[in-house]
Amino acid sequence: MAITAPRGTQDFLPEQTAEWQLLEAKIRQICSLYGFGEIRTPMFESTELFLRGIGETTDVVTKEMYTFEDRGGRSMTLRPENTASVVRAFLEHKLYGDPQVHKFYYMGPMFRHDRPQAGRYRQFTQFGVEEIGSKDPAVDAEIIAMAFQLFRELGLNDLVLHLNSVGCPKCRPVYRQKLLDFFADKRDQLCDDCNERLEKNPLRVLDCKEDGEKMMQMGVPLITDNLCDDCKEHFHKVQEYLTAIGIPFTLDPRLVRGLDYYTNTAFEIMYAPLGAQSTVCGGGRYDGLIEEVGGPSTPGIGFAIGMERLLLTLKEQGLLPPVEKKQPVFIVALGDAAKTKAFELQQQLREKGLYAEIDLLGRSMKGQMKSANKLHADYTVIIGEDELAAGEAQVRNMASKEQVSVPLDGIVAYMETHKKG
């Protein structure tokens, strides 16, 4: 029986990887415009980091993490998300001692034992940003603007921003009790998952896909009606900044996000043409996370984008630009002595920054010319016994079919002058 890739994982062949590189280049360009630098963290961390950082009652921790015991008996987990890892790195390297706003971005694989579906895998790639060190609501608006600019420059224009505030440690416990009181005599109307969430994390009840709409009709208390004055002011200023830069938004009191570390601003960006599964970006503020993981009280905010899903969306909408293939100089060699010379020329061209190829399958001249055409070579250099004896090669422009004789020791200079790509 053939060994295949594990369920929920996939291979990316060179043609697909080229598409990834186009998207990655656009991401890096946008990050540079906003002053974000790349951070790379380990693919596995101490399990405790995610228990403390994400929250022991979240679906990610209770149902989806890949956890294992290493040979030293320590519990390790493949990272299911990267915010907790960035925060751990921020603390470990004592970046909090530098009083400024720290801007990080990352791209890399995450791991969750989830049900695979289109654009959703057990090993998946996330692009995300974290901005640590400021409570200013302008920071919230800045990273939302960053995501919007990325999507718009990729051609995704039919975007809807869903915005909410999930309060802070001052006002959220009061709201939590209101939720418990409201559902005290209505638990028989809730699904099993919601009854379990009500015990552990009542706010997550609002996020229920099955009963969420029904709860709104029941008149469930809303977090936005129960914010303290500081949270109200913060949320108002975020909206003010977004309005100032022309980003429309919809207030969504059911939006609480799936991880426990969020405070204040929570948001999701939807791309309407995707229908029911339209979320392409999600994030929020986590002013208590760094303290929870063992550091000093430090505010932060971030978002994450699933890159497989984004690539799939771009393909479905016909927005992925064609990958431009580099055209090689193909050196056709006839005979062993000619092949040695071809190999030498190939290396000289490459060292000058020019893409060059020779035949490695022992093909005839006709077969080698077919290979040159298949690779979309813009020039072929033909070397046989006669050419070696005369100290020259035939150079053919594959587009114009024009062919000229060029001294062997002048091939590299000729290509530097004539070759464009």
Protein backbone atom coordinates (compact mmCIF):
# COMPACT_ATOMS: atom_id res chain seq x y z
CA MET A 1 0.00 0.00 0.00
CA ALA A 2 1.39 3.39 -1.03
CA ILE A 3 2.24 5.90 1.70
CA THR A 4 0.31 9.14 1.23
CA ALA A 5 0.33 12.53 2.97
CA PRO A 6 -1.50 12.49 6.33
CA ARG A 7 -5.15 13.50 6.24
CA GLY A 8 -5.56 17.26 6.43
CA THR A 9 -2.11 17.99 4.98
CA GLN A 10 -1.00 18.63 1.42
CA ASP A 11 2.01 18.92 -0.85
CA PHE A 12 2.74 22.05 -2.87
CA LEU A 13 4.47 21.35 -6.16
CA PRO A 14 6.71 23.99 -7.78
CA GLU A 15 3.90 25.50 -9.86
CA GLN A 16 1.76 25.96 -6.73
CA THR A 17 4.68 27.20 -4.66
CA ALA A 18 5.20 29.97 -7.22
CA GLU A 19 1.63 31.16 -6.47
CA TRP A 20 2.42 31.12 -2.74
CA GLN A 21 5.50 33.23 -3.38
CA LEU A 22 3.42 35.87 -5.20
CA LEU A 23 1.09 36.14 -2.19
CA GLU A 24 3.99 36.15 0.28
CA ALA A 25 5.72 38.95 -1.66
CA LYS A 26 2.56 41.11 -1.50
CA ILE A 27 2.24 40.43 2.25
CA ARG A 28 5.86 41.41 2.87
CA GLN A 29 5.38 44.61 0.86
CA ILE A 30 2.32 45.65 2.90
CA CYS A 31 4.03 44.77 6.20
CA SER A 32 6.99 46.93 5.23
CA LEU A 33 4.69 49.90 4.52
CA TYR A 34 3.29 49.64 8.05
CA GLY A 35 6.64 49.15 9.76
CA PHE A 36 6.22 45.47 10.74
CA GLY A 37 9.23 43.15 10.98
CA GLU A 38 9.12 39.38 10.55
CA ILE A 39 9.38 37.09 13.60
CA ARG A 40 9.90 33.33 13.37
CA THR A 41 9.01 31.17 16.37
CA PRO A 42 9.35 27.39 16.97
CA MET A 43 6.70 25.08 15.52
CA PHE A 44 6.22 23.45 18.92
CA GLU A 45 6.11 24.97 22.39
CA SER A 46 5.49 23.91 25.97
CA THR A 47 1.83 22.88 26.23
CA GLU A 48 1.48 25.17 29.25
CA LEU A 49 1.97 28.21 27.01
CA PHE A 50 -1.21 27.45 25.08
CA LEU A 51 -3.18 26.38 28.16
CA ARG A 52 -2.43 29.74 29.80
CA GLY A 53 -2.42 31.84 26.64
CA ILE A 54 -5.38 30.53 24.65
CA GLY A 55 -7.51 29.33 27.57
CA GLU A 56 -8.25 25.83 28.87
CA THR A 57 -11.96 26.04 27.97
CA THR A 58 -11.53 26.94 24.29
CA ASP A 59 -12.29 24.44 21.53
CA VAL A 60 -8.70 24.80 20.31
CA VAL A 61 -7.30 23.51 23.62
CA THR A 62 -9.99 20.97 24.47
CA LYS A 63 -10.46 19.41 21.02
CA GLU A 64 -7.89 20.45 18.44
CA MET A 65 -4.30 20.58 19.75
CA TYR A 66 -1.59 18.13 18.69
CA THR A 67 0.07 17.41 22.04
CA PHE A 68 2.84 14.92 22.70
CA GLU A 69 5.34 13.99 25.39
CA ASP A 70 8.98 14.46 24.39
CA ARG A 71 11.79 12.13 25.43
CA GLY A 72 12.38 14.18 28.55
CA GLY A 73 8.79 13.63 29.68
CA ARG A 74 7.76 17.22 28.94
CA SER A 75 4.37 17.98 27.39
CA MET A 76 4.81 19.74 24.05
CA THR A 77 2.26 21.00 21.53
CA LEU A 78 2.51 21.81 17.84
CA ARG A 79 1.50 25.47 17.70
CA PRO A 80 -2.25 25.82 16.93
CA GLU A 81 -1.82 29.60 16.53
CA ASN A 82 1.08 32.02 16.83
CA THR A 83 0.04 34.90 19.12
CA ALA A 84 0.98 33.02 22.29
CA SER A 85 4.36 32.13 20.75
CA VAL A 86 5.06 35.74 19.77
CA VAL A 87 4.18 36.86 23.29
CA ARG A 88 6.47 34.19 24.75
CA ALA A 89 9.32 35.43 22.52
CA PHE A 90 8.54 39.04 23.47
CA LEU A 91 8.95 38.12 27.14
CA GLU A 92 11.88 35.74 26.78
CA HIS A 93 13.93 38.37 24.95
CA LYS A 94 12.84 41.10 27.40
CA LEU A 95 11.54 43.37 24.64
CA TYR A 96 9.22 44.97 27.20
CA GLY A 97 12.32 46.79 28.48
CA ASP A 98 12.32 48.83 25.27
CA PRO A 99 9.46 51.36 25.70
CA GLN A 100 8.10 51.53 22.16
CA VAL A 101 5.39 49.95 20.01
CA HIS A 102 6.71 46.60 18.77
CA LYS A 103 5.37 45.45 15.39
CA PHE A 104 5.75 41.81 14.34
CA TYR A 105 4.42 39.73 11.47
CA TYR A 106 4.74 36.01 10.79
CA MET A 107 3.95 33.47 8.10
CA GLY A 108 4.16 29.77 8.85
CA PRO A 109 2.45 26.43 9.52
CA MET A 110 -0.01 25.91 12.39
CA PHE A 111 -1.59 22.62 13.45
CA ARG A 112 -5.15 21.81 14.57
CA HIS A 113 -6.92 18.46 14.59
CA ASP A 114 -9.98 19.75 12.76
CA ARG A 115 -12.29 18.29 10.12
CA PRO A 116 -10.58 18.97 6.78
CA GLN A 117 -12.59 20.89 4.18
CA ALA A 118 -11.95 23.26 1.26
CA GLY A 119 -9.33 25.79 2.32
CA ARG A 120 -9.11 24.31 5.82
CA TYR A 121 -6.48 21.77 6.83
CA ARG A 122 -4.90 20.17 9.88
CA GLN A 123 -1.59 21.69 8.91
CA PHE A 124 -2.39 25.16 7.63
CA THR A 125 -0.45 28.34 6.99
CA GLN A 126 -1.21 31.58 8.78
CA PHE A 127 -0.12 35.11 8.11
CA GLY A 128 -0.58 37.27 11.17
CA VAL A 129 0.51 40.49 12.81
CA GLU A 130 0.98 41.49 16.44
CA GLU A 131 1.36 45.09 17.62
CA ILE A 132 2.48 45.18 21.25
CA GLY A 133 2.96 48.07 23.65
CA SER A 134 0.13 50.58 23.12
CA LYS A 135 -3.49 50.83 24.25
CA ASP A 136 -4.18 53.64 21.77
CA PRO A 137 -7.34 52.85 19.74
CA ALA A 138 -5.47 54.20 16.69
CA VAL A 139 -3.45 50.96 16.84
CA ASP A 140 -6.67 48.93 16.51
CA ALA A 141 -7.67 50.94 13.46
CA GLU A 142 -4.16 50.72 12.01
CA ILE A 143 -4.01 46.94 11.83
CA ILE A 144 -7.56 46.74 10.45
CA ALA A 145 -6.50 49.24 7.77
CA MET A 146 -3.47 47.07 7.06
CA ALA A 147 -5.62 43.99 6.44
CA PHE A 148 -8.00 46.00 4.26
CA GLN A 149 -5.14 47.37 2.16
CA LEU A 150 -3.75 43.87 1.63
CA PHE A 151 -7.12 42.49 0.52
CA ARG A 152 -7.87 45.44 -1.73
CA GLU A 153 -4.47 45.29 -3.42
CA LEU A 154 -5.12 41.59 -4.04
CA GLY A 155 -8.40 42.57 -5.73
CA LEU A 156 -10.87 41.62 -2.96
CA ASN A 157 -13.12 44.66 -2.76
CA ASP A 158 -16.50 43.35 -1.54
CA LEU A 159 -15.36 43.37 2.10
CA VAL A 160 -17.44 43.73 5.25
CA LEU A 161 -15.83 44.51 8.62
CA HIS A 162 -17.70 43.10 11.64
CA LEU A 163 -16.72 44.94 14.80
CA ASN A 164 -17.41 44.45 18.49
CA SER A 165 -15.95 45.13 21.92
CA VAL A 166 -15.72 42.27 24.41
CA GLY A 167 -14.97 44.56 27.33
CA CYS A 168 -12.22 44.26 29.93
CA PRO A 169 -11.64 42.52 33.29
CA LYS A 170 -13.57 45.37 34.94
CA CYS A 171 -16.85 45.16 33.01
CA ARG A 172 -16.82 41.63 31.60
CA PRO A 173 -17.47 39.81 34.92
CA VAL A 174 -20.59 41.96 35.43
CA TYR A 175 -21.78 41.08 31.92
CA ARG A 176 -20.90 37.42 32.47
CA GLN A 177 -23.21 37.31 35.48
CA LYS A 178 -26.01 38.97 33.49
CA LEU A 179 -25.68 36.22 30.87
CA LEU A 180 -25.84 33.50 33.54
CA ASP A 181 -28.92 35.11 35.09
CA PHE A 182 -30.58 35.46 31.67
CA PHE A 183 -30.08 31.80 30.76
CA ALA A 184 -30.85 30.43 34.22
CA ASP A 185 -34.39 29.36 33.22
CA LYS A 186 -33.68 28.90 29.47
CA ARG A 187 -31.04 26.17 29.46
CA ASP A 188 -33.45 23.65 27.97
CA GLN A 189 -33.58 25.89 24.86
CA LEU A 190 -29.82 25.69 24.31
CA CYS A 191 -27.83 23.07 22.43
CA ASP A 192 -25.49 20.73 24.35
CA ASP A 193 -22.38 22.72 23.34
CA CYS A 194 -23.92 25.96 24.62
CA ASN A 195 -24.85 24.41 27.95
CA GLU A 196 -21.25 23.29 28.34
CA ARG A 197 -19.93 26.73 27.34
CA LEU A 198 -22.29 28.41 29.80
CA GLU A 199 -20.46 26.61 32.59
CA LYS A 200 -16.95 27.45 31.39
CA ASN A 201 -17.09 30.62 29.28
CA PRO A 202 -20.58 32.15 28.93
CA LEU A 203 -19.55 34.71 26.28
CA ARG A 204 -18.83 31.89 23.84
CA VAL A 205 -22.56 31.05 23.88
CA LEU A 206 -23.21 34.10 21.69
CA ASP A 207 -20.90 32.68 19.02
CA CYS A 208 -22.99 29.52 18.61
CA LYS A 209 -23.63 28.69 14.95
CA GLU A 210 -26.77 26.74 15.85
CA ASP A 211 -28.54 28.97 18.40
CA GLY A 212 -26.85 32.35 18.05
CA GLU A 213 -29.62 33.97 16.03
CA LYS A 214 -32.30 32.52 18.30
CA MET A 215 -30.60 34.06 21.34
CA MET A 216 -30.75 37.51 19.77
CA GLN A 217 -34.47 37.05 19.24
CA MET A 218 -34.79 35.98 22.88
CA GLY A 219 -33.40 39.38 23.89
CA VAL A 220 -30.06 38.21 25.31
CA PRO A 221 -28.12 41.05 27.03
CA LEU A 222 -25.47 42.58 24.77
CA ILE A 223 -21.89 43.25 25.84
CA THR A 224 -21.94 46.65 24.11
CA ASP A 225 -24.74 47.73 26.47
CA ASN A 226 -22.65 46.72 29.47
CA LEU A 227 -19.22 48.24 28.79
CA CYS A 228 -17.49 50.36 31.41
CA ASP A 229 -16.77 54.01 30.54
CA ASP A 230 -13.16 53.30 29.49
CA CYS A 231 -14.20 50.49 27.16
CA LYS A 232 -17.02 52.59 25.68
CA GLU A 233 -14.58 55.42 24.96
CA HIS A 234 -12.02 53.08 23.44
CA PHE A 235 -14.62 51.46 21.18
CA HIS A 236 -15.98 54.86 20.13
CA LYS A 237 -12.49 56.08 19.17
CA VAL A 238 -11.78 52.93 17.11
CA GLN A 239 -14.97 53.59 15.14
CA GLU A 240 -14.02 57.23 14.74
CA TYR A 241 -10.59 56.37 13.28
CA LEU A 242 -12.06 53.78 10.91
CA THR A 243 -14.65 56.29 9.69
CA ALA A 244 -11.91 58.87 9.15
CA ILE A 245 -10.05 56.58 6.73
CA GLY A 246 -13.16 55.36 4.92
CA ILE A 247 -13.40 51.80 6.21
CA PRO A 248 -17.08 50.84 6.60
CA PHE A 249 -18.05 48.51 9.45
CA THR A 250 -20.99 46.64 10.90
CA LEU A 251 -21.40 46.47 14.67
CA ASP A 252 -21.83 42.82 15.59
CA PRO A 253 -22.60 42.19 19.28
CA ARG A 254 -22.42 38.41 18.74
CA LEU A 255 -18.78 38.56 17.69
CA VAL A 256 -16.69 37.30 20.62
CA ARG A 257 -13.92 35.34 18.79
CA GLY A 258 -12.85 31.84 19.83
CA LEU A 259 -9.89 32.48 22.12
CA ASP A 260 -10.04 33.57 25.76
CA TYR A 261 -7.32 36.21 25.60
CA TYR A 262 -9.32 38.87 23.72
CA THR A 263 -10.27 42.18 25.40
CA ASN A 264 -11.91 45.30 23.98
CA THR A 265 -11.84 45.31 20.18
CA ALA A 266 -12.72 42.08 18.36
CA PHE A 267 -13.19 42.01 14.60
CA GLU A 268 -13.63 39.81 11.56
CA ILE A 269 -13.38 40.74 7.89
CA MET A 270 -15.84 38.97 5.60
CA TYR A 271 -15.62 38.61 1.84
CA ALA A 272 -19.25 38.47 0.72
CA PRO A 273 -18.83 36.34 -2.48
CA LEU A 274 -17.72 33.38 -0.32
CA GLY A 275 -21.22 33.01 1.15
CA ALA A 276 -21.65 31.22 4.49
CA GLN A 277 -17.91 30.63 5.09
CA SER A 278 -16.97 34.22 4.29
CA THR A 279 -14.50 35.11 7.07
CA VAL A 280 -11.04 35.82 5.61
CA CYS A 281 -9.45 37.56 8.61
CA GLY A 282 -10.03 37.69 12.35
CA GLY A 283 -8.37 39.38 15.27
CA GLY A 284 -8.63 41.58 18.30
CA ARG A 285 -6.99 43.17 21.30
CA TYR A 286 -5.45 41.05 24.08
CA ASP A 287 -4.35 43.47 26.79
CA GLY A 288 -4.29 40.74 29.47
CA LEU A 289 -2.43 38.00 27.60
CA ILE A 290 1.15 39.04 28.33
CA GLU A 291 0.40 39.26 32.03
CA GLU A 292 -1.37 35.88 31.87
CA VAL A 293 1.76 34.28 30.38
CA GLY A 294 3.91 35.70 33.18
CA GLY A 295 5.03 39.13 31.97
CA PRO A 296 4.31 42.71 32.98
CA SER A 297 0.96 44.24 32.09
CA THR A 298 1.42 45.12 28.40
CA PRO A 299 -1.29 45.83 25.80
CA GLY A 300 -1.36 44.12 22.42
CA ILE A 301 -3.51 43.52 19.37
CA GLY A 302 -3.27 41.32 16.29
CA PHE A 303 -5.00 39.45 13.49
CA ALA A 304 -4.48 36.24 11.53
CA ILE A 305 -5.33 35.21 7.98
CA GLY A 306 -5.49 31.61 6.73
CA MET A 307 -3.32 31.66 3.61
CA GLU A 308 -4.70 28.47 2.00
CA ARG A 309 -8.19 29.91 2.20
CA LEU A 310 -7.00 33.27 0.86
CA LEU A 311 -5.24 31.62 -2.10
CA LEU A 312 -8.33 29.53 -2.84
CA THR A 313 -10.46 32.67 -2.77
CA LEU A 314 -8.12 34.50 -5.15
CA LYS A 315 -8.20 31.54 -7.54
CA GLU A 316 -11.99 31.21 -7.43
CA GLN A 317 -12.40 34.91 -8.15
CA GLY A 318 -9.83 34.84 -10.97
CA LEU A 319 -7.61 37.29 -9.07
CA LEU A 320 -4.39 35.30 -8.90
CA PRO A 321 -2.01 36.77 -11.48
CA PRO A 322 -0.27 34.30 -13.80
CA VAL A 323 3.14 33.21 -12.59
CA GLU A 324 5.81 34.67 -14.84
CA LYS A 325 8.17 31.88 -15.86
CA LYS A 326 11.84 32.71 -16.30
CA GLN A 327 13.16 31.87 -19.75
CA PRO A 328 16.47 30.00 -19.82
CA VAL A 329 19.35 29.92 -22.21
CA PHE A 330 19.24 26.29 -23.33
CA ILE A 331 22.60 24.88 -24.43
CA VAL A 332 22.24 22.07 -26.97
CA ALA A 333 25.31 19.80 -26.90
CA LEU A 334 26.09 17.02 -29.39
CA GLY A 335 28.78 14.62 -28.14
CA ASP A 336 30.74 14.20 -24.91
CA ALA A 337 33.26 16.98 -25.55
CA ALA A 338 30.46 19.39 -26.45
CA LYS A 339 28.55 18.45 -23.30
CA THR A 340 31.59 19.24 -21.15
CA LYS A 341 31.81 22.66 -22.80
CA ALA A 342 28.05 23.15 -22.39
CA PHE A 343 28.32 22.32 -18.70
CA GLU A 344 31.11 24.88 -18.33
CA LEU A 345 29.10 27.57 -20.17
CA GLN A 346 26.00 26.79 -18.10
CA GLN A 347 27.93 27.45 -14.89
CA GLN A 348 29.48 30.66 -16.24
CA LEU A 349 26.05 31.98 -17.23
CA ARG A 350 24.55 31.13 -13.84
CA GLU A 351 27.40 32.88 -12.05
CA LYS A 352 26.50 36.00 -14.03
CA GLY A 353 22.91 35.74 -12.79
CA LEU A 354 21.49 34.24 -16.01
CA TYR A 355 19.20 31.19 -16.00
CA ALA A 356 20.72 28.39 -18.08
CA GLU A 357 19.96 24.70 -18.69
CA ILE A 358 21.55 21.77 -20.55
CA ASP A 359 20.16 18.36 -21.49
CA LEU A 360 20.60 15.72 -18.77
CA LEU A 361 18.73 12.82 -20.40
CA GLY A 362 20.97 12.05 -23.39
CA ARG A 363 18.47 13.31 -25.96
CA SER A 364 19.12 13.83 -29.67
CA MET A 365 19.41 17.33 -31.10
CA LYS A 366 15.71 17.21 -32.00
CA GLY A 367 14.83 16.11 -28.47
CA GLN A 368 16.98 18.84 -26.95
CA MET A 369 15.29 21.49 -29.09
CA LYS A 370 11.91 20.16 -27.89
CA SER A 371 13.12 20.56 -24.31
CA ALA A 372 14.20 24.13 -25.06
CA ASN A 373 10.72 24.90 -26.40
CA LYS A 374 9.02 23.24 -23.41
CA LEU A 375 11.06 25.41 -21.04
CA HIS A 376 10.20 28.50 -23.12
CA ALA A 377 13.89 29.20 -23.71
CA ASP A 378 14.46 32.57 -25.33
CA TYR A 379 17.88 31.55 -26.71
CA THR A 380 19.51 28.25 -27.59
CA VAL A 381 23.24 27.79 -27.89
CA ILE A 382 24.12 24.90 -30.21
CA ILE A 383 27.51 23.19 -29.82
CA GLY A 384 28.62 20.19 -31.89
CA GLU A 385 31.95 18.81 -33.06
CA ASP A 386 32.21 21.35 -35.91
CA GLU A 387 31.49 24.26 -33.54
CA LEU A 388 34.09 23.03 -31.04
CA ALA A 389 36.69 22.74 -33.80
CA ALA A 390 35.92 26.29 -34.98
CA GLY A 391 35.81 27.68 -31.41
CA GLU A 392 32.29 29.05 -31.84
CA ALA A 393 28.65 28.19 -31.25
CA GLN A 394 25.40 28.82 -33.08
CA VAL A 395 23.11 31.08 -31.04
CA ARG A 396 19.44 31.03 -32.01
CA ASN A 397 16.85 33.62 -30.96
CA MET A 398 13.85 31.34 -30.41
CA ALA A 399 11.30 34.08 -31.04
CA SER A 400 12.72 35.55 -34.28
CA LYS A 401 14.45 32.30 -35.40
CA GLU A 402 17.51 34.44 -36.22
CA GLN A 403 20.76 32.44 -35.82
CA VAL A 404 24.29 33.84 -35.52
CA SER A 405 27.77 32.46 -34.90
CA VAL A 406 29.38 33.62 -31.65
CA PRO A 407 32.86 32.70 -30.37
CA LEU A 408 32.67 30.25 -27.48
CA ASP A 409 34.57 32.62 -25.22
CA GLY A 410 32.10 35.39 -26.10
CA ILE A 411 28.85 33.51 -25.33
CA VAL A 412 28.51 34.87 -21.78
CA ALA A 413 29.09 38.47 -22.86
CA TYR A 414 26.62 38.04 -25.77
CA MET A 415 23.92 36.76 -23.43
CA GLU A 416 24.54 39.53 -20.89
CA THR A 417 23.89 42.01 -23.71
CA HIS A 418 20.93 40.31 -25.42
CA LYS A 419 19.04 38.33 -22.76
CA LYS A 420 16.25 40.22 -20.96
CA GLY A 421 14.99 37.75 -18.35
